[in-house]
Structure formats: C-alpha cells, structure tokens
Protein backbone atom coordinates (compact mmCIF):
# COMPACT_ATOMS: atom_id res chain seq x y z
CA MET A 1 73.09 116.14 104.47
CA THR A 2 73.58 113.89 101.48
CA THR A 3 72.57 110.62 101.28
CA VAL A 4 73.88 108.41 98.25
CA ARG A 5 73.76 104.50 98.62
CA ALA A 6 76.87 102.92 96.36
CA THR A 7 76.40 99.70 96.00
CA LYS A 8 79.02 96.86 96.24
CA SER A 9 79.69 94.96 92.95
CA GLY A 10 81.55 92.42 95.24
CA THR A 11 84.10 91.21 92.91
CA GLY A 12 87.07 91.13 94.42
CA ASP A 13 89.50 93.29 97.03
CA ALA A 14 91.99 93.97 94.27
CA GLY A 15 92.61 97.61 92.68
CA THR A 16 89.51 98.73 90.09
CA GLY A 17 92.49 100.09 87.61
CA GLY A 18 89.88 102.47 86.24
CA SER A 19 88.82 102.66 82.56
CA ALA A 20 90.59 100.88 79.66
CA ALA A 21 93.97 101.68 79.75
CA ARG A 22 94.56 104.32 77.16
CA GLY A 23 97.88 104.90 74.75
CA ARG A 24 101.13 107.31 75.60
CA PRO A 25 100.69 110.12 73.72
CA SER A 26 103.03 111.17 71.10
CA LEU A 27 106.24 113.25 72.27
CA THR A 28 104.72 116.25 70.45
CA GLU A 29 101.65 116.06 72.73
CA ARG A 30 103.36 115.65 75.71
CA ARG A 31 105.55 118.53 74.84
CA ARG A 32 102.77 120.50 74.79
CA GLU A 33 101.27 119.26 77.67
CA ALA A 34 104.62 119.91 79.56
CA THR A 35 104.18 123.82 78.31
CA ARG A 36 100.73 124.14 79.20
CA TYR A 37 101.51 122.84 82.60
CA GLU A 38 104.84 125.51 82.81
CA ILE A 39 102.38 128.41 81.70
CA ALA A 40 100.05 127.53 84.41
CA GLU A 41 102.70 126.84 87.33
CA ALA A 42 104.35 130.35 86.44
CA ALA A 43 100.74 131.95 86.26
CA ALA A 44 99.61 130.15 89.72
CA ALA A 45 102.86 131.46 91.58
CA LEU A 46 102.27 135.19 90.22
CA PHE A 47 98.76 135.32 90.98
CA ALA A 48 99.53 133.91 94.78
CA GLU A 49 102.50 136.59 95.21
CA ARG A 50 100.99 139.61 93.68
CA GLY A 51 97.82 139.03 92.83
CA TYR A 52 95.32 138.31 89.70
CA GLU A 53 94.44 141.79 88.94
CA ALA A 54 97.90 142.98 89.41
CA THR A 55 99.46 139.95 87.02
CA THR A 56 99.73 140.60 83.21
CA VAL A 57 100.10 137.83 80.44
CA ASP A 58 103.41 139.48 79.94
CA ASP A 59 104.46 138.87 83.21
CA ILE A 60 103.06 135.06 83.08
CA ALA A 61 104.82 134.76 79.29
CA ARG A 62 108.18 136.38 81.13
CA ALA A 63 107.87 133.93 83.94
CA ALA A 64 107.44 130.88 81.69
CA GLY A 65 110.31 131.85 79.55
CA ILE A 66 108.25 132.05 76.57
CA SER A 67 106.94 134.62 73.94
CA LEU A 68 103.25 136.38 74.13
CA ARG A 69 102.68 134.82 70.70
CA THR A 70 103.35 131.13 72.50
CA PHE A 71 101.26 132.27 75.34
CA TYR A 72 98.53 132.99 73.23
CA ARG A 73 98.85 129.33 71.01
CA TYR A 74 98.23 127.86 74.13
CA CYS A 75 95.49 130.42 76.28
CA PRO A 76 93.28 132.16 74.49
CA THR A 77 92.97 134.65 77.79
CA LYS A 78 94.86 135.23 81.28
CA GLU A 79 92.49 133.24 83.27
CA ASP A 80 92.65 130.33 80.76
CA ALA A 81 96.29 129.84 81.98
CA LEU A 82 95.28 127.91 85.13
CA THR A 83 93.39 125.25 83.62
CA PRO A 84 96.19 122.68 84.10
CA VAL A 85 96.59 123.47 87.55
CA LEU A 86 92.53 123.60 88.10
CA THR A 87 92.31 120.03 86.98
CA ALA A 88 95.42 118.32 88.21
CA GLY A 89 94.88 117.98 91.67
CA VAL A 90 90.96 116.10 91.16
CA ALA A 91 92.85 114.02 88.42
CA GLU A 92 95.05 112.78 90.90
CA LEU A 93 92.13 111.80 93.12
CA VAL A 94 90.10 110.05 90.33
CA GLU A 95 93.94 107.77 89.84
CA GLN A 96 94.22 107.11 93.47
CA LEU A 97 90.99 106.12 93.71
CA ALA A 98 90.91 103.51 91.03
CA LEU A 99 94.00 102.06 92.63
CA ARG A 100 92.12 101.38 96.06
CA PRO A 101 90.82 98.04 96.99
CA ALA A 102 87.24 97.50 94.85
CA ALA A 103 86.04 96.21 98.58
CA GLU A 104 86.53 99.38 100.37
CA PRO A 105 83.77 101.36 101.73
CA VAL A 106 83.45 104.04 99.12
CA THR A 107 83.91 106.65 102.09
CA ARG A 108 87.02 105.54 103.31
CA ALA A 109 88.13 104.78 99.62
CA VAL A 110 87.63 108.28 98.72
CA GLN A 111 89.24 109.54 101.72
CA ALA A 112 92.31 107.85 101.37
CA ALA A 113 92.56 108.74 97.85
CA PHE A 114 92.31 112.55 98.86
CA ALA A 115 95.08 111.76 101.35
CA ALA A 116 97.87 110.53 98.68
CA SER A 117 96.80 112.99 96.45
CA THR A 118 97.32 115.95 98.43
CA ALA A 119 100.27 114.80 100.41
CA GLY A 120 102.84 116.61 98.32
CA ALA A 121 104.88 119.68 99.10
CA ARG A 122 101.92 122.15 98.11
CA TYR A 123 99.83 120.92 100.89
CA ALA A 124 102.75 120.70 103.27
CA GLU A 125 103.58 124.26 103.35
CA PRO A 126 100.31 125.64 102.00
CA GLY A 127 100.73 129.21 101.85
CA ARG A 128 101.28 129.62 98.00
CA THR A 129 98.45 126.83 97.36
CA VAL A 130 96.14 128.33 99.97
CA ARG A 131 96.41 132.05 97.91
CA LEU A 132 95.93 130.23 94.74
CA ILE A 133 92.79 128.70 95.59
CA GLN A 134 91.57 132.10 97.46
CA VAL A 135 92.30 133.45 93.56
CA MET A 136 90.71 130.63 91.99
CA SER A 137 87.45 130.75 94.09
CA GLY A 138 87.56 134.86 94.39
CA VAL A 139 87.83 136.06 90.38
CA PRO A 140 84.58 134.97 88.93
CA ALA A 141 86.48 134.49 85.64
CA ILE A 142 88.92 131.80 87.09
CA ARG A 143 85.75 130.24 88.90
CA MET A 144 83.88 129.66 85.92
CA ARG A 145 86.58 127.62 84.68
CA TRP A 146 87.11 126.25 88.01
CA LEU A 147 84.02 124.84 87.75
CA ALA A 148 83.96 123.77 83.97
CA ALA A 149 87.15 121.93 85.21
CA ALA A 150 85.24 120.22 88.60
CA ARG A 151 82.43 119.15 86.10
CA ALA A 152 84.69 117.61 83.56
CA MET A 153 86.65 115.67 86.50
CA GLN A 154 83.02 113.91 86.89
CA ASP A 155 83.04 112.36 83.88
CA ARG A 156 86.35 110.86 84.59
CA LEU A 157 85.26 110.00 87.81
CA ALA A 158 82.19 108.37 86.82
CA PRO A 159 83.88 105.01 85.24
CA VAL A 160 86.04 104.71 88.74
CA LEU A 161 82.82 104.60 90.79
CA ALA A 162 81.11 102.39 88.09
CA ALA A 163 83.95 99.77 88.54
CA ARG A 164 83.41 99.63 92.19
CA THR A 165 79.52 99.93 92.48
CA GLY A 166 78.94 97.50 89.70
CA ARG A 167 76.42 99.88 88.00
CA PRO A 168 76.67 101.20 84.29
CA GLU A 169 78.55 104.83 83.93
CA SER A 170 75.36 106.15 82.67
CA ASP A 171 73.47 105.12 85.65
CA LEU A 172 71.69 108.47 87.57
CA GLU A 173 73.39 107.31 90.78
CA THR A 174 76.68 106.94 89.80
CA ARG A 175 76.68 110.39 87.90
CA LEU A 176 74.88 111.80 91.08
CA LEU A 177 77.51 110.00 93.05
CA ALA A 178 80.51 111.52 91.10
CA ALA A 179 78.91 115.13 91.17
CA VAL A 180 78.36 115.01 94.84
CA LEU A 181 82.02 113.63 95.49
CA ILE A 182 83.62 116.37 92.99
CA ASP A 183 81.38 119.02 94.79
CA ALA A 184 82.45 118.13 98.50
CA VAL A 185 86.05 118.22 97.38
CA THR A 186 85.92 121.49 96.13
CA VAL A 187 84.06 122.84 98.72
CA ALA A 188 86.72 121.35 101.23
CA LEU A 189 89.56 122.97 99.27
CA GLU A 190 87.92 126.40 99.91
CA HIS A 191 86.69 125.62 102.87
CA TRP A 192 90.35 124.89 103.76
CA ALA A 193 92.20 128.04 101.89
CA ALA A 194 89.42 130.42 103.66
CA GLY A 195 90.78 129.45 107.33
CA ASP A 196 94.31 129.99 105.85
CA GLY A 197 95.10 126.44 106.03
CA ARG A 198 95.31 126.14 109.76
CA GLU A 199 93.23 123.30 109.64
CA PRO A 200 94.88 119.75 108.43
CA LEU A 201 93.18 119.49 104.79
CA THR A 202 92.59 115.77 105.70
CA ASP A 203 90.51 116.74 108.37
CA VAL A 204 88.47 118.95 106.16
CA SER A 205 87.86 116.51 103.71
CA ALA A 206 87.13 113.58 106.04
CA ARG A 207 84.31 116.31 107.80
CA ALA A 208 83.03 117.11 104.41
CA LEU A 209 82.73 113.11 103.15
CA ALA A 210 81.15 112.44 106.95
CA LEU A 211 78.62 114.94 106.19
CA LEU A 212 77.74 113.15 102.90
CA ARG A 213 76.60 109.74 104.65
CA LEU A 214 77.52 107.67 101.76
CA GLU A 215 76.13 104.54 102.47
CA THR A 216 77.55 101.01 101.51
C-alpha cells in the first residue's frame, strides 16, 4: 500500500480553481483541436469494433472524412491517432478536481472528481470504452503513448494539488502525490476493462484510492 501525506493549506473551502486562467485559443487552434479529436474518435470507434491490427490508416481517414494527407499532417503514425482520447479523460479529472472545495480531504475530492469525469454516456454504456481500453493497454505502441499521456497529466495535476495542499508544485511530495493518483486511475481503468465493465467503475476507483491510504 502507498501512503502519501497531503497537508491542507487551510485557506478556506472555496474551489481552488487550479492554475492561472489561460487565454482562449485562437479560432485556428480550436479548429485544429476539433480535427484532432474527430480523428481520434474515428480511430477509437474502429479499433473498438474491428481491432487495432485490422484497422488501416485509410479506414481512419475515411471514417473521419479527411484525406490521407490531412491525417498524416496531424498523426505521424496510426497509433498517434488516439492521443486526444488518451488525454481527455484524465484532463477532465484534473479540471473536476480543481473545482472541489479546498478543505475537502484529498481521497474524497479525487473520488468525487473521478465520478464526475466518468459520468458520461461513454461509461454508462461501456462496451466500446471497455474494448478501447483493452486495445490501449494491449497494443504496446499505444500503451507507450498512454503512459506518456499519463505522465503529461501528472504535470497538469501538480498545480491543482499544490493549491490544495499549500505545497510548491516542485515539492517532492506534490509530484509524488500526482504520480500516485494518475497511476491509481490508470490501473483502475485497466482493471475495470479487464473485467468487461461488469463492476461499476466508481467502485473500482474507490477501492484503488482506498488502497493508497492518502493521509490528510
């Protein structure tokens, strides 16, 4: 079991709001992000329905309604197509955690944020999502990108945890807590998918977080 002490700052019970507000992306960048996600959604659906090996880049481009040239402009390889899907779930978790009251214990806050971030239809009817996670964890090239995406999400989570605990982002304990939480979520998702989604995902995540014994 992992024990990480998360000291509260005691600075009130309003939401932390996360890191400093960022400027709104330009219209061009928003269109690029929309295209990236359309490609990712098309790839995710095909991988879930046909399997990774049976899906070609041509298939993904056709399903996304783009040319091969456009596909390769956004994705150097087939496995890169899923990057937005790999990051979206954890990004939502980070955003939801930033909205939780600062005085709320870390375990309770993370569980509530996880429940909110997985409340959509994708998890309510999990067949496709289960198959997708199985592909993501079972195909080495995609798994490497999933782990890299999780590492990037640790960097996004650290400022939220720093605001909650009153510790610097660069503090060893802050960075370790971010790594432990992201790993717990990743393992919980893989365990849930390995069981074909039969156990409620929130129950799986609660068990994973309980094993960490986060101290507040």
